[in-house]
Amino acid sequence: MTADPQPIRSRDNPSLVQIRRALRDPGAYRRDGAPLWLEGDHLLRACLARGWALQQVLMAESAWARAEWRELAAQAQRLLLLPDALFKELSTLESPASIGALVERPPSPPLRGDVPTVLLDRVQDAGNVGSILRSAAALGVPQVVALKGTAALWSPKVLRAGMGAHFALQLHEGLELDALQALTLPWVATSSHATALLHRCTLPQPCAWVFGHEGQGVAAELLARCAMSLRIAQPGGEESLNVAAAAAICLHESLRQREPPIAPASGARSTGLPPPG
């Protein structure tokens, strides 16, 4: 259990300086190993649930009245209590969460070539990256690899969009193409120019799904290494899908194909619809 809360009044407190830097420079942790800033009790609980330790918890004074948050803060090594106005400076949210934590990022595990993988090629929007991580965690893809030029995976905005998915994934970032030699399973990409349709193809299992830059798509040298290039059917006629939406569709199709169909329960009423696929 943590010691008694330590009141903080100065904006120059070293912990607050670290957090403001993380908000100002989302990739700073990659250069100097600075702690990560998690804002909100959902992220803190997801972190603890996966066995991570909370170095420091920071709480707004008004949040101290919440017993469940005091219990959460008690699992940290150190607790800082801030005036509400000072905590608000540490948030980019319209309504600050009033609780957050600094945590150490563990070293990346070795890149695995034999597990379902998402490969991000210069996906730059933090919201898209976080959403893709969330889909990967939800749909059973344990490894995400981000090439150089992709938004910082552990930046505050990506962490918020990921909603705790980070702590369930093996993450690798800042890689160059030459570093992907270990990724030997088949690569699959989507392209609006492809002729083969995703829902009509048999996907390799496992595979590495490649998702590219929001405007430029997957780089040509990556497409050249892909075993398959597929198109997502869009009968509504839109030009393209948001990359995070496309990723969710592709990862779900991979899951659908590798999981056996579930027989209807005895006595269940038929929908009259044909089976998927």
Protein backbone atom coordinates (compact mmCIF):
# COMPACT_ATOMS: atom_id res chain seq x y z
CA MET A 1 0.00 0.00 0.00
CA THR A 2 1.21 3.49 -0.84
CA ALA A 3 2.23 6.02 1.78
CA ASP A 4 0.02 8.95 2.69
CA PRO A 5 -0.76 11.29 -0.21
CA GLN A 6 1.80 13.99 -0.86
CA PRO A 7 0.27 17.41 -1.55
CA ILE A 8 1.68 19.20 -4.60
CA ARG A 9 1.26 22.92 -5.19
CA SER A 10 4.07 23.82 -7.59
CA ARG A 11 3.80 23.53 -11.37
CA ASP A 12 7.55 22.85 -11.35
CA ASN A 13 7.23 19.51 -9.56
CA PRO A 14 9.34 17.01 -11.57
CA SER A 15 6.44 14.62 -12.08
CA LEU A 16 4.26 17.36 -13.52
CA VAL A 17 7.09 18.47 -15.78
CA GLN A 18 7.34 14.91 -17.13
CA ILE A 19 3.62 14.73 -17.84
CA ARG A 20 3.49 18.09 -19.61
CA ARG A 21 6.41 16.97 -21.76
CA ALA A 22 4.57 13.76 -22.68
CA LEU A 23 1.58 15.82 -23.78
CA ARG A 24 3.73 18.27 -25.72
CA ASP A 25 6.06 15.67 -27.28
CA PRO A 26 4.20 12.32 -27.58
CA GLY A 27 7.27 10.43 -28.76
CA ALA A 28 9.66 11.64 -26.06
CA TYR A 29 9.52 8.31 -24.17
CA ARG A 30 11.13 6.56 -27.17
CA ARG A 31 14.21 8.74 -26.91
CA ASP A 32 14.82 8.92 -23.18
CA GLY A 33 12.72 6.15 -21.62
CA ALA A 34 10.55 8.62 -19.70
CA PRO A 35 7.53 7.16 -17.86
CA LEU A 36 4.20 6.88 -19.65
CA TRP A 37 1.22 9.02 -18.65
CA LEU A 38 -2.07 7.15 -18.21
CA GLU A 39 -5.13 9.32 -17.66
CA GLY A 40 -8.35 7.97 -16.23
CA ASP A 41 -9.27 5.13 -13.92
CA HIS A 42 -10.09 2.76 -16.81
CA LEU A 43 -6.50 2.79 -18.05
CA LEU A 44 -5.14 2.40 -14.52
CA ARG A 45 -7.32 -0.63 -13.87
CA ALA A 46 -6.39 -2.19 -17.23
CA CYS A 47 -2.72 -1.65 -16.41
CA LEU A 48 -3.02 -3.33 -13.00
CA ALA A 49 -5.10 -6.19 -14.41
CA ARG A 50 -2.18 -7.15 -16.68
CA GLY A 51 0.34 -7.11 -13.84
CA TRP A 52 1.91 -3.72 -14.45
CA ALA A 53 2.95 -1.54 -11.50
CA LEU A 54 1.83 2.04 -10.97
CA GLN A 55 4.87 4.14 -10.06
CA GLN A 56 2.97 7.27 -9.16
CA VAL A 57 -0.71 8.07 -9.05
CA LEU A 58 -1.79 11.69 -9.34
CA MET A 59 -5.23 12.74 -8.17
CA ALA A 60 -7.18 15.97 -8.13
CA GLU A 61 -8.18 16.94 -4.60
CA SER A 62 -11.87 16.64 -5.46
CA ALA A 63 -11.32 13.01 -6.52
CA TRP A 64 -10.02 12.04 -3.08
CA ALA A 65 -13.61 11.79 -1.88
CA ARG A 66 -14.20 8.73 -4.09
CA ALA A 67 -13.47 5.61 -2.06
CA GLU A 68 -12.94 3.38 -5.13
CA TRP A 69 -10.29 5.78 -6.43
CA ARG A 70 -8.53 5.92 -3.08
CA GLU A 71 -8.41 2.12 -3.17
CA LEU A 72 -6.99 2.26 -6.69
CA ALA A 73 -4.38 4.84 -5.70
CA ALA A 74 -3.35 2.71 -2.72
CA GLN A 75 -1.75 0.23 -5.15
CA ALA A 76 0.79 2.81 -6.34
CA GLN A 77 4.27 3.32 -4.96
CA ARG A 78 3.59 7.03 -4.51
CA LEU A 79 0.51 9.26 -4.49
CA LEU A 80 0.47 12.95 -5.37
CA LEU A 81 -2.56 15.08 -4.55
CA LEU A 82 -3.08 18.18 -6.70
CA PRO A 83 -5.46 21.13 -6.70
CA ASP A 84 -8.10 20.61 -9.37
CA ALA A 85 -6.84 23.55 -11.42
CA LEU A 86 -3.33 22.11 -11.48
CA PHE A 87 -4.55 18.66 -12.50
CA LYS A 88 -6.56 20.21 -15.33
CA GLU A 89 -3.28 21.43 -16.87
CA LEU A 90 -2.22 17.79 -17.23
CA SER A 91 -5.21 16.84 -19.36
CA THR A 92 -6.19 17.37 -22.98
CA LEU A 93 -9.75 16.26 -22.21
CA GLU A 94 -12.61 18.71 -22.03
CA SER A 95 -13.60 17.08 -18.76
CA PRO A 96 -10.38 15.91 -17.03
CA ALA A 97 -10.53 12.43 -15.51
CA SER A 98 -9.11 13.70 -12.17
CA ILE A 99 -6.85 10.66 -11.76
CA GLY A 100 -3.84 9.41 -13.68
CA ALA A 101 -0.58 7.55 -13.25
CA LEU A 102 3.02 7.45 -14.38
CA VAL A 103 4.24 3.95 -15.30
CA GLU A 104 7.42 2.44 -16.68
CA ARG A 105 7.20 0.90 -20.15
CA PRO A 106 8.71 -2.61 -20.22
CA PRO A 107 11.20 -3.53 -22.96
CA SER A 108 9.69 -4.89 -26.17
CA PRO A 109 9.76 -8.69 -26.43
CA PRO A 110 11.44 -10.33 -29.44
CA LEU A 111 9.49 -10.02 -32.68
CA ARG A 112 7.60 -13.26 -33.37
CA GLY A 113 7.03 -14.60 -36.84
CA ASP A 114 4.44 -17.24 -36.01
CA VAL A 115 1.52 -15.35 -34.43
CA PRO A 116 -1.29 -13.25 -35.94
CA THR A 117 0.12 -9.75 -36.38
CA VAL A 118 -0.87 -6.24 -37.38
CA LEU A 119 1.75 -4.25 -39.27
CA LEU A 120 1.20 -0.48 -39.34
CA ASP A 121 2.82 1.45 -42.19
CA ARG A 122 2.95 5.18 -41.35
CA VAL A 123 -0.55 5.32 -39.83
CA GLN A 124 -0.33 8.82 -38.42
CA ASP A 125 -3.62 9.62 -36.71
CA ALA A 126 -3.44 8.76 -32.99
CA GLY A 127 -7.14 7.93 -32.86
CA ASN A 128 -6.83 5.48 -35.75
CA VAL A 129 -3.79 3.80 -34.21
CA GLY A 130 -5.48 3.42 -30.82
CA SER A 131 -8.64 2.05 -32.44
CA ILE A 132 -6.62 -0.52 -34.42
CA LEU A 133 -4.85 -1.65 -31.24
CA ARG A 134 -8.23 -2.05 -29.56
CA SER A 135 -9.54 -4.17 -32.46
CA ALA A 136 -6.39 -6.29 -32.44
CA ALA A 137 -6.71 -7.04 -28.72
CA ALA A 138 -10.44 -7.75 -29.01
CA LEU A 139 -10.10 -10.06 -32.02
CA GLY A 140 -7.22 -12.19 -30.80
CA VAL A 141 -4.23 -10.62 -32.56
CA PRO A 142 -1.44 -10.56 -29.96
CA GLN A 143 1.28 -8.64 -31.82
CA VAL A 144 1.35 -5.16 -33.38
CA VAL A 145 4.36 -3.87 -35.29
CA ALA A 146 4.60 -0.17 -36.19
CA LEU A 147 7.01 0.99 -38.87
CA LYS A 148 8.84 4.28 -38.57
CA GLY A 149 6.46 7.15 -39.35
CA THR A 150 3.53 5.65 -37.42
CA ALA A 151 2.11 7.63 -34.48
CA ALA A 152 3.87 6.85 -31.18
CA LEU A 153 2.08 3.78 -29.83
CA TRP A 154 2.39 4.81 -26.17
CA SER A 155 1.53 8.49 -26.62
CA PRO A 156 -1.27 9.80 -24.38
CA LYS A 157 -3.75 10.12 -27.27
CA VAL A 158 -3.10 6.60 -28.58
CA LEU A 159 -3.35 5.22 -25.04
CA ARG A 160 -6.75 6.86 -24.55
CA ALA A 161 -8.03 5.61 -27.92
CA GLY A 162 -6.75 2.11 -27.15
CA MET A 163 -8.87 1.93 -23.98
CA GLY A 164 -6.48 -0.48 -22.25
CA ALA A 165 -5.67 -2.67 -25.28
CA HIS A 166 -1.97 -1.82 -25.00
CA PHE A 167 -1.55 -3.96 -21.90
CA ALA A 168 -2.82 -7.08 -23.71
CA LEU A 169 -0.52 -6.75 -26.74
CA GLN A 170 3.11 -7.27 -27.70
CA LEU A 171 4.06 -3.92 -29.23
CA HIS A 172 7.03 -3.06 -31.44
CA GLU A 173 7.51 0.40 -32.90
CA GLY A 174 9.86 2.60 -34.86
CA LEU A 175 11.00 -0.31 -37.02
CA GLU A 176 12.55 -0.07 -40.47
CA LEU A 177 11.60 -2.49 -43.23
CA ASP A 178 14.87 -4.43 -42.82
CA ALA A 179 13.90 -5.27 -39.23
CA LEU A 180 10.94 -7.38 -40.39
CA GLN A 181 12.93 -10.41 -41.54
CA ALA A 182 11.60 -12.38 -38.57
CA LEU A 183 8.02 -11.75 -39.69
CA THR A 184 7.92 -14.84 -41.90
CA LEU A 185 4.20 -15.62 -41.89
CA PRO A 186 2.19 -14.53 -44.97
CA TRP A 187 1.43 -10.81 -45.27
CA VAL A 188 -2.00 -9.61 -46.41
CA ALA A 189 -2.96 -6.05 -47.36
CA THR A 190 -6.06 -4.23 -48.55
CA SER A 191 -6.10 -2.05 -51.62
CA SER A 192 -8.92 -0.28 -53.45
CA HIS A 193 -7.22 -1.39 -56.67
CA ALA A 194 -7.29 -5.11 -55.83
CA THR A 195 -9.71 -7.37 -57.70
CA ALA A 196 -10.08 -10.15 -55.11
CA LEU A 197 -12.75 -9.47 -52.48
CA LEU A 198 -11.99 -10.07 -48.82
CA HIS A 199 -15.18 -11.95 -47.99
CA ARG A 200 -14.70 -14.37 -50.90
CA CYS A 201 -11.09 -15.32 -50.17
CA THR A 202 -9.56 -17.96 -47.93
CA LEU A 203 -7.06 -16.17 -45.71
CA PRO A 204 -3.76 -17.68 -44.58
CA GLN A 205 -3.75 -18.62 -40.91
CA PRO A 206 -1.98 -17.03 -39.19
CA CYS A 207 -1.13 -13.95 -41.22
CA ALA A 208 0.19 -10.43 -40.82
CA TRP A 209 -2.31 -7.75 -41.83
CA VAL A 210 -0.68 -4.63 -43.26
CA PHE A 211 -2.50 -1.30 -42.87
CA GLY A 212 -1.11 1.84 -44.41
CA HIS A 213 -1.00 5.62 -44.35
CA GLU A 214 -4.41 7.31 -44.24
CA GLY A 215 -3.90 9.06 -47.57
CA GLN A 216 -1.23 7.07 -49.42
CA GLY A 217 -2.14 3.56 -48.33
CA VAL A 218 0.40 0.75 -47.99
CA ALA A 219 3.82 1.52 -49.47
CA ALA A 220 4.64 -0.22 -52.76
CA GLU A 221 7.63 -2.09 -51.30
CA LEU A 222 5.38 -3.56 -48.61
CA LEU A 223 2.65 -4.52 -51.09
CA ALA A 224 5.31 -6.33 -53.10
CA ARG A 225 6.01 -8.57 -50.09
CA CYS A 226 2.34 -9.42 -49.50
CA ALA A 227 1.02 -12.85 -50.38
CA MET A 228 -2.44 -11.36 -50.98
CA SER A 229 -3.88 -7.94 -51.76
CA LEU A 230 -7.62 -7.75 -51.18
CA ARG A 231 -10.46 -5.30 -51.57
CA ILE A 232 -13.23 -4.76 -49.01
CA ALA A 233 -16.62 -4.81 -50.74
CA GLN A 234 -18.30 -1.41 -50.61
CA PRO A 235 -21.63 -1.68 -52.43
CA GLY A 236 -22.61 1.73 -51.09
CA GLY A 237 -20.10 3.30 -53.44
CA GLU A 238 -17.82 5.20 -51.04
CA GLU A 239 -14.30 5.80 -52.29
CA SER A 240 -12.55 4.25 -49.30
CA LEU A 241 -12.93 3.24 -45.66
CA ASN A 242 -11.22 4.79 -42.67
CA VAL A 243 -8.12 2.70 -41.91
CA ALA A 244 -9.34 1.81 -38.42
CA ALA A 245 -12.70 0.63 -39.81
CA ALA A 246 -10.93 -1.38 -42.51
CA ALA A 247 -8.68 -2.99 -39.90
CA ALA A 248 -11.64 -4.04 -37.77
CA ILE A 249 -13.34 -5.66 -40.78
CA CYS A 250 -10.20 -7.52 -41.84
CA LEU A 251 -9.31 -8.77 -38.36
CA HIS A 252 -12.87 -9.94 -37.79
CA GLU A 253 -12.83 -11.86 -41.08
CA SER A 254 -9.58 -13.55 -40.04
CA LEU A 255 -11.19 -14.55 -36.74
CA ARG A 256 -14.34 -15.80 -38.48
CA GLN A 257 -12.33 -18.04 -40.78
CA ARG A 258 -10.11 -19.56 -38.09
CA GLU A 259 -12.89 -20.21 -35.55
CA PRO A 260 -15.30 -23.10 -36.23
CA PRO A 261 -18.94 -22.08 -36.63
CA ILE A 262 -21.11 -22.42 -33.56
CA ALA A 263 -24.09 -24.70 -34.00
CA PRO A 264 -27.43 -23.13 -33.04
CA ALA A 265 -28.77 -24.10 -29.64
CA SER A 266 -31.34 -26.85 -29.55
CA GLY A 267 -34.76 -25.41 -30.25
CA ALA A 268 -33.37 -22.11 -31.54
CA ARG A 269 -35.52 -20.48 -34.21
CA SER A 270 -33.95 -20.14 -37.65
CA THR A 271 -33.48 -16.62 -39.00
CA GLY A 272 -34.07 -17.79 -42.55
CA LEU A 273 -30.84 -16.08 -43.63
CA PRO A 274 -28.07 -17.84 -45.55
CA PRO A 275 -24.83 -18.58 -43.67
CA PRO A 276 -22.07 -15.94 -43.94
CA GLY A 277 -19.28 -16.21 -46.51
